Structure formats: structure tokens, C-alpha cells
Protein backbone atom coordinates (compact mmCIF):
# COMPACT_ATOMS: atom_id res chain seq x y z
CA MET A 1 7.22 -57.02 -32.26
CA ARG A 2 10.67 -57.99 -31.00
CA ARG A 3 9.10 -59.82 -28.05
CA LEU A 4 6.74 -61.74 -30.36
CA THR A 5 9.55 -62.65 -32.75
CA ALA A 6 11.66 -63.99 -29.88
CA SER A 7 8.76 -65.71 -28.14
CA TYR A 8 7.72 -67.72 -31.18
CA GLY A 9 11.09 -68.11 -32.92
CA LEU A 10 9.83 -66.37 -36.06
CA ASP A 11 13.35 -65.60 -37.25
CA GLU A 12 14.81 -69.06 -36.60
CA ASN A 13 16.07 -71.16 -39.52
CA LEU A 14 15.03 -74.81 -39.17
CA SER A 15 16.74 -76.11 -42.30
CA GLN A 16 19.67 -77.74 -40.49
CA PHE A 17 17.35 -79.43 -37.99
CA THR A 18 15.07 -80.62 -40.80
CA GLU A 19 18.02 -82.12 -42.66
CA LEU A 20 19.13 -84.02 -39.54
CA ALA A 21 15.59 -85.13 -38.69
CA THR A 22 14.88 -86.46 -42.18
CA ALA A 23 17.67 -89.01 -41.75
CA VAL A 24 16.25 -90.43 -38.49
CA PRO A 25 13.38 -92.94 -38.98
CA SER A 26 11.72 -92.19 -35.61
CA MET A 27 11.45 -88.52 -36.57
CA ARG A 28 9.63 -89.03 -39.87
CA GLU A 29 6.09 -88.97 -38.47
CA PRO A 30 6.69 -86.04 -36.09
CA LEU A 31 8.39 -84.09 -38.87
CA ALA A 32 5.55 -84.76 -41.32
CA ALA A 33 2.93 -83.72 -38.76
CA LEU A 34 4.72 -80.74 -37.22
CA SER A 35 7.02 -79.46 -39.96
CA GLY A 36 7.92 -75.83 -39.39
CA MET A 37 7.04 -75.89 -35.68
CA ARG A 38 9.25 -73.83 -33.43
CA GLN A 39 9.45 -73.53 -29.68
CA SER A 40 6.67 -71.18 -28.54
CA CYS A 41 7.21 -69.42 -25.25
CA PRO A 42 5.38 -66.14 -24.60
CA GLU A 43 6.49 -66.39 -20.95
CA ASP A 44 9.74 -64.84 -19.79
CA HIS A 45 12.52 -66.45 -17.74
CA PHE A 46 10.91 -65.66 -14.40
CA GLU A 47 7.51 -67.02 -15.36
CA ILE A 48 9.02 -70.26 -16.68
CA ALA A 49 11.12 -70.56 -13.50
CA VAL A 50 8.06 -70.23 -11.26
CA VAL A 51 6.02 -72.75 -13.27
CA ALA A 52 8.88 -75.25 -13.22
CA LEU A 53 9.32 -74.75 -9.47
CA LEU A 54 5.63 -75.33 -8.81
CA LEU A 55 5.72 -78.55 -10.84
CA GLN A 56 8.45 -80.13 -8.74
CA ASN A 57 7.51 -83.40 -7.02
CA VAL A 58 3.75 -82.83 -7.01
CA THR A 59 0.59 -83.67 -8.92
CA ILE A 60 -0.90 -81.33 -11.52
CA ALA A 61 -3.77 -80.64 -9.10
CA ARG A 62 -1.34 -79.47 -6.40
CA THR A 63 0.55 -77.30 -8.90
CA THR A 64 -2.74 -75.77 -10.02
CA GLN A 65 -3.62 -74.99 -6.41
CA MET A 66 -0.31 -73.24 -5.75
CA THR A 67 -0.49 -71.30 -9.01
CA ARG A 68 -4.04 -70.18 -8.25
CA ASN A 69 -2.98 -69.02 -4.78
CA LEU A 70 -0.08 -66.96 -6.13
CA LEU A 71 -2.15 -65.36 -8.88
CA THR A 72 -5.03 -64.64 -6.51
CA HIS A 73 -2.86 -62.99 -3.86
CA HIS A 74 -0.19 -61.34 -6.02
CA GLY A 75 -1.57 -61.06 -9.58
CA ARG A 76 -3.92 -58.47 -11.04
CA LEU A 77 -7.14 -58.86 -13.00
CA VAL A 78 -6.98 -58.05 -16.71
CA HIS A 79 -10.05 -57.72 -18.95
CA PHE A 80 -9.70 -58.28 -22.69
CA ASP A 81 -12.18 -59.17 -25.42
CA GLY A 82 -14.78 -60.49 -23.02
CA ILE A 83 -12.34 -62.67 -21.09
CA THR A 84 -10.99 -62.03 -17.60
CA LEU A 85 -7.48 -63.17 -16.73
CA ARG A 86 -5.08 -62.70 -13.87
CA ALA A 87 -1.80 -61.10 -14.92
CA TRP A 88 1.42 -62.72 -13.74
CA PHE A 89 3.27 -60.92 -10.95
CA THR A 90 6.71 -59.43 -11.59
CA PRO A 91 9.93 -60.42 -9.79
CA ALA A 92 9.99 -57.02 -8.06
CA GLU A 93 6.45 -57.53 -6.75
CA LEU A 94 7.47 -60.79 -5.09
CA THR A 95 10.75 -59.73 -3.51
CA ASP A 96 8.93 -58.05 -0.63
CA VAL A 97 6.80 -61.13 0.08
CA THR A 98 8.25 -63.14 2.97
CA PRO A 99 8.83 -66.90 2.85
CA GLU A 100 6.43 -67.18 5.78
CA THR A 101 3.64 -65.59 3.72
CA LEU A 102 4.40 -67.80 0.73
CA LYS A 103 4.25 -70.86 2.93
CA GLU A 104 1.21 -70.07 5.09
CA GLN A 105 -0.95 -67.98 2.74
CA ASP A 106 0.03 -69.39 -0.64
CA ARG A 107 0.66 -72.96 0.59
CA LEU A 108 3.94 -73.40 -1.32
CA GLY A 109 5.58 -75.79 1.13
CA TYR A 110 9.37 -75.95 0.77
CA ARG A 111 9.13 -73.77 -2.37
CA ALA A 112 8.39 -70.79 -0.14
CA LYS A 113 12.10 -70.54 0.67
CA THR A 114 13.16 -70.90 -2.96
CA LEU A 115 10.82 -68.49 -4.74
CA PRO A 116 12.32 -65.31 -3.20
CA HIS A 117 15.74 -66.33 -4.57
CA PHE A 118 14.19 -66.69 -8.03
CA ALA A 119 12.52 -63.29 -7.72
CA ALA A 120 15.71 -61.55 -6.60
CA LEU A 121 17.79 -62.90 -9.49
CA PHE A 122 15.29 -62.01 -12.19
CA ARG A 123 14.67 -58.61 -10.65
CA ASP A 124 18.38 -57.81 -10.95
CA HIS A 125 19.16 -59.51 -14.30
CA THR A 126 17.45 -58.64 -17.57
CA THR A 127 16.66 -61.21 -20.25
CA GLU A 128 19.48 -59.79 -22.39
CA VAL A 129 22.02 -60.24 -19.59
CA LEU A 130 20.94 -63.83 -18.97
CA GLN A 131 20.98 -64.80 -22.62
CA ALA A 132 24.51 -63.41 -22.98
CA ALA A 133 25.80 -65.95 -20.43
CA ASP A 134 28.24 -68.50 -21.82
CA ASP A 135 26.46 -71.47 -20.22
CA LEU A 136 22.91 -70.55 -19.32
CA VAL A 137 22.10 -73.85 -17.62
CA GLN A 138 25.07 -73.46 -15.26
CA THR A 139 24.08 -69.84 -14.62
CA PHE A 140 20.60 -70.92 -13.55
CA LEU A 141 21.98 -73.74 -11.41
CA GLN A 142 23.68 -71.14 -9.24
CA ILE A 143 20.26 -70.01 -7.96
CA LYS A 144 19.53 -71.56 -4.60
CA GLY A 145 16.86 -74.20 -5.04
CA MET A 146 17.33 -74.55 -8.81
CA GLY A 147 17.72 -78.11 -10.18
CA PRO A 148 18.96 -79.42 -13.53
CA TYR A 149 15.47 -79.98 -14.96
CA THR A 150 14.24 -76.48 -14.10
CA ALA A 151 17.45 -74.93 -15.44
CA ALA A 152 17.13 -76.87 -18.70
CA ILE A 153 13.47 -75.89 -19.13
CA MET A 154 14.36 -72.23 -18.69
CA ALA A 155 17.28 -72.43 -21.11
CA SER A 156 15.35 -74.33 -23.78
CA HIS A 157 11.98 -72.55 -23.51
CA ALA A 158 12.60 -68.99 -22.40
CA ALA A 159 16.14 -68.58 -23.79
CA ARG A 160 15.51 -70.73 -26.89
CA ASN A 161 18.68 -72.81 -26.62
CA THR A 162 18.07 -75.34 -29.39
CA ASP A 163 20.64 -77.79 -27.99
CA THR A 164 18.99 -78.06 -24.55
CA PHE A 165 15.96 -80.14 -23.51
CA GLY A 166 14.50 -80.62 -20.03
CA LEU A 167 13.93 -84.27 -19.16
CA ASP A 168 11.22 -85.13 -16.67
CA VAL A 169 10.16 -88.74 -16.10
CA TRP A 170 7.47 -88.66 -18.83
CA ASN A 171 9.63 -87.01 -21.49
CA ARG A 172 12.43 -89.41 -20.69
CA LYS A 173 10.20 -92.43 -21.28
CA ILE A 174 8.82 -91.03 -24.53
CA LEU A 175 12.30 -90.36 -25.88
CA ALA A 176 13.62 -93.71 -24.64
CA ARG A 177 10.90 -95.48 -26.64
CA ARG A 178 11.43 -93.39 -29.75
CA LEU A 179 15.23 -93.23 -29.79
CA LEU A 180 16.48 -96.23 -27.80
CA ASP A 181 13.70 -98.76 -28.35
CA ALA A 182 13.38 -99.14 -24.57
CA ASP A 183 10.58 -98.56 -22.08
CA ASP A 184 12.83 -96.24 -20.09
CA ALA A 185 16.46 -95.19 -19.83
CA LYS A 186 18.72 -93.04 -17.69
CA PRO A 187 18.59 -89.31 -18.45
CA GLU A 188 22.26 -89.36 -19.46
CA ALA A 189 21.59 -92.06 -22.07
CA VAL A 190 18.62 -90.18 -23.54
CA THR A 191 20.50 -86.88 -23.65
CA ARG A 192 23.54 -88.52 -25.22
CA ARG A 193 21.40 -90.11 -27.96
CA LEU A 194 19.62 -86.82 -28.69
CA ASN A 195 22.95 -85.07 -29.11
CA GLU A 196 24.36 -87.87 -31.28
CA LEU A 197 21.45 -87.76 -33.70
CA PHE A 198 20.72 -84.03 -33.60
CA PRO A 199 23.94 -82.13 -32.76
CA GLY A 200 23.09 -78.53 -31.91
CA HIS A 201 19.36 -79.28 -32.18
CA ALA A 202 18.70 -81.79 -29.40
CA GLY A 203 16.17 -79.45 -27.82
CA THR A 204 14.19 -79.01 -31.03
CA ALA A 205 14.23 -82.76 -31.67
CA GLY A 206 13.01 -83.50 -28.14
CA LEU A 207 10.23 -80.96 -28.59
CA TYR A 208 9.02 -82.56 -31.85
CA LEU A 209 9.02 -86.07 -30.43
CA VAL A 210 7.21 -85.16 -27.22
CA GLU A 211 4.66 -82.85 -28.87
CA HIS A 212 3.86 -85.48 -31.47
CA GLU A 213 3.24 -88.02 -28.71
CA TYR A 214 0.65 -85.74 -27.08
CA ALA A 215 -0.88 -84.27 -30.25
CA GLY A 216 -3.75 -86.75 -30.26
CA ALA A 217 -4.37 -86.61 -26.52
CA PRO A 218 -3.77 -83.12 -25.10
CA ILE A 219 -3.19 -82.94 -21.36
CA ALA A 220 -5.26 -79.75 -20.96
CA PRO A 221 -7.85 -79.07 -23.71
CA LEU A 222 -8.60 -75.42 -24.43
CA LEU A 223 -11.43 -73.71 -22.57
CA ALA A 224 -14.74 -74.31 -24.37
CA PRO A 225 -16.50 -71.12 -25.58
CA ASP A 226 -19.56 -71.84 -23.44
CA GLY A 227 -17.34 -71.96 -20.35
CA ILE A 228 -15.92 -68.44 -20.69
CA ASN A 229 -18.69 -66.72 -18.70
CA ALA A 230 -18.30 -69.14 -15.82
CA TRP A 231 -14.52 -68.63 -15.95
CA ASN A 232 -14.88 -64.84 -15.85
CA ASN A 233 -17.37 -64.97 -12.99
CA THR A 234 -15.12 -67.23 -10.94
CA LEU A 235 -12.09 -64.95 -11.30
CA GLU A 236 -14.09 -61.81 -10.52
CA HIS A 237 -15.34 -63.25 -7.22
CA ILE A 238 -12.12 -64.76 -5.88
CA THR A 239 -11.09 -62.68 -2.89
CA PRO A 240 -7.31 -62.02 -2.58
């Protein structure tokens, strides 16, 4: 229950954010459509870190390929309610995998050298220890291969820092249009405006604006019910 409460922010009070958002014209539609929404992150710090790493400088198709390779070779099959899934690997399970294997077998490219550093840190540091850090973004930036965007995603999603928001090129453009009336802007300008309008809640505000932008056109629609059998069959017959 504690994990679910933390993962979905069930004990978070949004009243201060709502008060700030009500006063900002560009937030009126997102607030009306998404009122009460909180950051939802069932993944832990390590899982978010790996996903963010695999998204660096590549297409979604390439990220999907690398994720599939890692889950096929290092994950385990889980059966639940007629659906087959591959369980995420733990940091400890990856620490013994060599960079050479990650590069040649899992096709991670330069990420093969970075992933073991991620695994080692999260093997040795619990979620409680990480969240107790004074500046979580700076703590994550100490990991070899960690960049500002990945660190911000981990702090905002997994650690639920409401004042932090990860800016990739698409989020930056969305927020530039909504908050600066510009087609694009430098990350520093977008971050500064978020913090000016929503002090202490820049991350929540960024989440509302971006999610509202995509609400009518989801990037990855949910799996259709008639596709579940094909999905299960595919996973069952993938050879590690």
C-alpha cells in the first residue's frame, strides 16, 4: 500500500498548485480537463533511469528495440489474468553483465558503458536514501553518463519532486508556446518561466501542460483486447 500511495501521489495536496494554476490563463484548459491529476510513476528510480537512458538521442523504434533486447535477455516472464509480461530486471541482476555483452548482445551502443554505473548505484542505494538527498538532481548527475534531462526525469517522476521537470525538445516547444507565446525557447527560459508562475510546483505545471497537449492524440494507444493473444504468443516464443 505504501508503494502504491507513493507511486500515484495519493497523499499529495494539490491545493497550492491549483491556486497558482487558476491565476494563469494558459493553465485554465489543462486544469479544467485534468483537475486532480498527480504524477503517476509505478516504476522505481532504476527503471526510470534505464528508460531515460534508452531514449537518449534515438528514435522511439530504436529505444523499443533496445528495451526489447534487455527484457528478452535479462527479464523474466510473468503471467497474470491472461496476459503475459516480461518483468523488469533488478540493478543487482545487471551488475554482473559486462559492457561487452550489453553492446554486442543487447545492441545498446555507447549506453553499454553507462548502464553498469546505473545498476551499481541503485544496487547500493535504496529509494529512501536517494530521496533523503538534499539536491536529488545533483546527486543523480554524479553518476557517470547521467545528463541533466535524465536526472530531472528521475527526480520529478520517481522521486516526485514537484518543483522539477525534465525538458526534452518536444516538451520545451510545448511549454514555450503555452507560457512564452513562442515556437521555441532555450531550456533556461522555459524553466525560469515555470518557476516564476508556479514556485514549488513547476514540475506539476509542466506535467499538466504537456499531458493536456497529448490528451487528444496519444503517442502509444493501449493494446486492443483482440491483440492480447498475439502479444502473449509473441512473448512466449521469444528466445533469450
